[in-house]
């Protein structure tokens, strides 16, 4: 398959959880958010030099290529694994940046204010990871896997989780310290007792 046919086959998929189009690279911080989101979720690829409507525009300068590398290696911590491949079609140069899922999560990206934030990929959006995601990743790195004992605090938390609730609602209803709720939710998600979903621009948690 030549470059054009390959690129068009990818473009037909549209933007989704593991694919994003970038018309041009004008801001390394914005690109770093997508790198972080892919690395923290299921991996993915950025088609750089492709408009949102799927038309080829191409990478216009060496400066854009330099900014791509900056996004991956200067604005993300820890440094993610990323592979750049160059393709040529219709007189345009298209760069595909492939980001595998990271084994060292969270991969954080520097935002416009200079603060490091972790992102996850949901459908075709890059979303700031919740404190529960951060705790879940931390627990997964521990040798004991974040094991917790079934105690009164956990029983109280489970008792209030009828239906879907935000983190703040669970804290308020359970009257437990916020840090305790975050840690417990992370472990319960890890063990399959609690599930979460992102809807109406917020994370909701519920019993399985």
Protein backbone atom coordinates (compact mmCIF):
# COMPACT_ATOMS: atom_id res chain seq x y z
CA UNK A 1 0.00 0.00 0.00
CA UNK A 2 1.45 3.39 -1.00
CA UNK A 3 1.55 6.40 1.34
CA UNK A 4 -1.60 8.04 -0.02
CA UNK A 5 -3.76 4.93 0.22
CA UNK A 6 -2.48 4.21 3.71
CA UNK A 7 -3.16 7.75 4.94
CA UNK A 8 -6.63 7.80 3.40
CA UNK A 9 -7.47 4.48 5.05
CA UNK A 10 -6.59 6.00 8.44
CA UNK A 11 -8.43 9.26 7.74
CA UNK A 12 -11.60 7.33 6.90
CA UNK A 13 -11.64 6.09 10.50
CA UNK A 14 -12.02 9.68 11.68
CA UNK A 15 -10.94 10.89 15.11
CA UNK A 16 -11.56 8.38 17.90
CA UNK A 17 -10.10 7.15 21.15
CA UNK A 18 -6.85 6.07 19.51
CA UNK A 19 -6.57 8.60 16.68
CA UNK A 20 -6.39 12.38 16.50
CA UNK A 21 -5.89 14.84 13.63
CA UNK A 22 -3.68 17.91 13.99
CA UNK A 23 -3.90 20.56 11.28
CA UNK A 24 -0.66 22.18 12.37
CA UNK A 25 1.61 22.29 15.41
CA UNK A 26 1.46 25.81 16.78
CA UNK A 27 1.54 25.02 20.50
CA UNK A 28 3.68 22.26 22.00
CA UNK A 29 1.64 22.30 25.23
CA UNK A 30 -1.58 21.42 23.39
CA UNK A 31 0.12 18.61 21.53
CA UNK A 32 1.60 17.32 24.79
CA UNK A 33 -1.93 16.91 26.20
CA UNK A 34 -2.76 14.44 23.44
CA UNK A 35 0.52 12.57 23.99
CA UNK A 36 -0.28 12.34 27.73
CA UNK A 37 -3.86 11.19 27.06
CA UNK A 38 -2.78 8.45 24.66
CA UNK A 39 0.01 7.26 26.96
CA UNK A 40 -2.33 7.09 29.97
CA UNK A 41 -5.13 5.27 28.14
CA UNK A 42 -4.87 2.81 25.25
CA UNK A 43 -2.15 4.45 23.17
CA UNK A 44 -2.88 6.08 19.83
CA UNK A 45 -1.58 8.00 16.87
CA UNK A 46 -1.60 11.65 15.86
CA UNK A 47 -1.90 12.42 12.17
CA UNK A 48 -0.10 15.75 11.96
CA UNK A 49 -0.82 17.79 8.87
CA UNK A 50 -4.43 16.60 8.57
CA UNK A 51 -7.39 18.95 9.06
CA UNK A 52 -10.36 18.07 11.26
CA UNK A 53 -12.41 17.36 8.12
CA UNK A 54 -9.78 14.85 6.95
CA UNK A 55 -8.20 16.97 4.20
CA UNK A 56 -4.43 16.88 3.88
CA UNK A 57 -2.67 20.14 4.69
CA UNK A 58 0.82 18.86 5.43
CA UNK A 59 3.55 19.80 7.87
CA UNK A 60 4.82 23.14 6.66
CA UNK A 61 8.23 23.59 8.24
CA UNK A 62 11.09 22.10 10.19
CA UNK A 63 9.90 24.24 13.11
CA UNK A 64 6.70 22.20 13.33
CA UNK A 65 8.68 18.96 13.40
CA UNK A 66 10.90 20.43 16.15
CA UNK A 67 7.78 21.40 18.14
CA UNK A 68 6.48 17.85 17.87
CA UNK A 69 9.62 16.56 19.51
CA UNK A 70 9.38 19.29 22.15
CA UNK A 71 5.84 18.19 22.97
CA UNK A 72 6.90 14.60 23.46
CA UNK A 73 10.20 15.01 25.22
CA UNK A 74 10.22 18.42 26.93
CA UNK A 75 6.60 18.95 27.97
CA UNK A 76 5.78 15.42 29.14
CA UNK A 77 6.99 13.68 32.32
CA UNK A 78 7.98 10.93 32.56
CA UNK A 79 9.25 10.98 29.02
CA UNK A 80 6.87 8.87 26.93
CA UNK A 81 7.79 6.41 24.24
CA UNK A 82 6.84 7.85 20.86
CA UNK A 83 7.66 7.04 17.24
CA UNK A 84 7.54 9.52 14.36
CA UNK A 85 6.96 8.34 10.78
CA UNK A 86 6.84 10.59 7.71
CA UNK A 87 4.54 10.02 4.71
CA UNK A 88 4.08 11.91 1.43
CA UNK A 89 0.81 12.33 -0.47
CA UNK A 90 -0.59 14.93 -2.87
CA UNK A 91 2.51 17.08 -2.46
CA UNK A 92 2.13 17.18 1.33
CA UNK A 93 4.27 15.78 4.13
CA UNK A 94 2.25 14.08 6.86
CA UNK A 95 3.81 12.99 10.14
CA UNK A 96 2.27 10.19 12.19
CA UNK A 97 3.27 10.19 15.85
CA UNK A 98 2.50 6.82 17.44
CA UNK A 99 2.23 6.74 21.23
CA UNK A 100 1.98 3.35 22.97
CA UNK A 101 0.24 2.99 26.35
CA UNK A 102 2.72 3.77 29.11
CA UNK A 103 3.70 1.30 31.80
CA UNK A 104 4.68 4.24 34.05
CA UNK A 105 1.44 6.13 34.54
CA UNK A 106 0.62 8.91 34.90
CA UNK A 107 2.41 10.61 32.03
CA UNK A 108 1.83 14.29 32.73
CA UNK A 109 1.84 17.19 30.27
CA UNK A 110 2.74 20.78 31.03
CA UNK A 111 -0.25 23.07 30.53
CA UNK A 112 -0.35 26.72 29.47
CA UNK A 113 0.21 27.85 33.08
CA UNK A 114 3.30 25.68 33.40
CA UNK A 115 1.62 23.13 35.69
CA UNK A 116 1.87 19.40 35.10
CA UNK A 117 -1.44 17.61 34.53
CA UNK A 118 -2.29 14.02 33.59
CA UNK A 119 -4.83 13.44 30.83
CA UNK A 120 -6.84 10.46 29.65
CA UNK A 121 -8.45 9.83 26.28
CA UNK A 122 -12.22 9.34 26.15
CA UNK A 123 -13.60 8.90 22.63
CA UNK A 124 -12.03 11.84 20.74
CA UNK A 125 -11.42 14.07 23.76
CA UNK A 126 -8.46 14.65 26.06
CA UNK A 127 -9.77 14.90 29.64
CA UNK A 128 -7.89 15.87 32.80
CA UNK A 129 -7.55 12.72 34.89
CA UNK A 130 -9.49 12.70 38.17
CA UNK A 131 -7.76 12.30 41.55
CA UNK A 132 -9.14 8.76 41.61
CA UNK A 133 -7.30 7.90 38.39
CA UNK A 134 -4.06 9.24 39.89
CA UNK A 135 -4.56 7.11 43.01
CA UNK A 136 -5.41 4.07 40.87
CA UNK A 137 -2.17 4.43 38.92
CA UNK A 138 -0.17 4.87 42.12
CA UNK A 139 -1.75 1.77 43.65
CA UNK A 140 -1.01 -0.29 40.54
CA UNK A 141 2.70 0.50 40.92
CA UNK A 142 2.85 -0.87 44.46
CA UNK A 143 4.00 -4.47 45.02
CA UNK A 144 0.94 -5.20 47.20
CA UNK A 145 -1.36 -3.76 44.54
CA UNK A 146 -3.07 -1.31 46.90
CA UNK A 147 -4.81 -3.97 49.04
CA UNK A 148 -7.23 -2.59 51.62
CA UNK A 149 -9.09 -4.17 54.53
CA UNK A 150 -12.87 -4.26 54.58
CA UNK A 151 -13.59 -1.93 57.52
CA UNK A 152 -16.27 0.48 58.78
CA UNK A 153 -15.07 3.26 56.45
CA UNK A 154 -15.47 1.07 53.39
CA UNK A 155 -18.88 -0.12 54.53
CA UNK A 156 -19.95 3.50 55.00
CA UNK A 157 -18.73 4.44 51.55
CA UNK A 158 -20.47 1.49 49.90
CA UNK A 159 -23.70 2.27 51.74
CA UNK A 160 -23.96 5.74 50.16
CA UNK A 161 -23.15 4.58 46.64
CA UNK A 162 -26.67 3.92 45.42
CA UNK A 163 -26.79 5.15 41.85
CA UNK A 164 -24.10 7.34 40.30
CA UNK A 165 -22.25 10.02 42.22
CA UNK A 166 -19.38 12.43 41.70
CA UNK A 167 -16.34 12.26 43.95
CA UNK A 168 -17.49 15.37 45.85
CA UNK A 169 -20.94 13.87 46.42
CA UNK A 170 -19.45 10.65 47.80
CA UNK A 171 -17.21 12.62 50.16
CA UNK A 172 -20.17 14.66 51.40
CA UNK A 173 -22.54 11.69 51.82
CA UNK A 174 -20.01 9.38 53.48
CA UNK A 175 -18.55 12.12 55.72
CA UNK A 176 -15.15 10.53 55.21
CA UNK A 177 -11.92 12.46 54.53
CA UNK A 178 -11.50 13.20 50.83
CA UNK A 179 -8.11 11.48 50.65
CA UNK A 180 -9.61 8.35 52.21
CA UNK A 181 -12.48 8.30 49.71
CA UNK A 182 -10.07 8.72 46.78
CA UNK A 183 -7.85 5.87 47.97
CA UNK A 184 -10.78 3.53 48.64
CA UNK A 185 -12.47 4.26 45.31
CA UNK A 186 -9.21 3.58 43.47
CA UNK A 187 -8.85 0.18 45.12
CA UNK A 188 -12.51 -0.73 44.59
CA UNK A 189 -12.20 0.14 40.90
CA UNK A 190 -9.06 -1.95 40.67
CA UNK A 191 -10.84 -4.94 42.21
CA UNK A 192 -13.94 -4.54 40.04
CA UNK A 193 -16.34 -3.46 42.78
CA UNK A 194 -16.83 0.10 41.52
CA UNK A 195 -17.00 1.42 37.95
CA UNK A 196 -16.69 4.95 36.63
CA UNK A 197 -17.84 6.78 33.53
CA UNK A 198 -17.40 10.25 32.11
CA UNK A 199 -20.61 12.05 31.27
CA UNK A 200 -21.84 15.65 31.22
CA UNK A 201 -18.22 16.77 31.69
CA UNK A 202 -17.72 14.97 34.98
CA UNK A 203 -16.67 11.58 36.35
CA UNK A 204 -19.41 9.52 37.96
CA UNK A 205 -18.79 6.49 40.17
CA UNK A 206 -21.19 3.61 40.86
CA UNK A 207 -21.20 0.06 42.18
CA UNK A 208 -20.81 -2.71 39.62
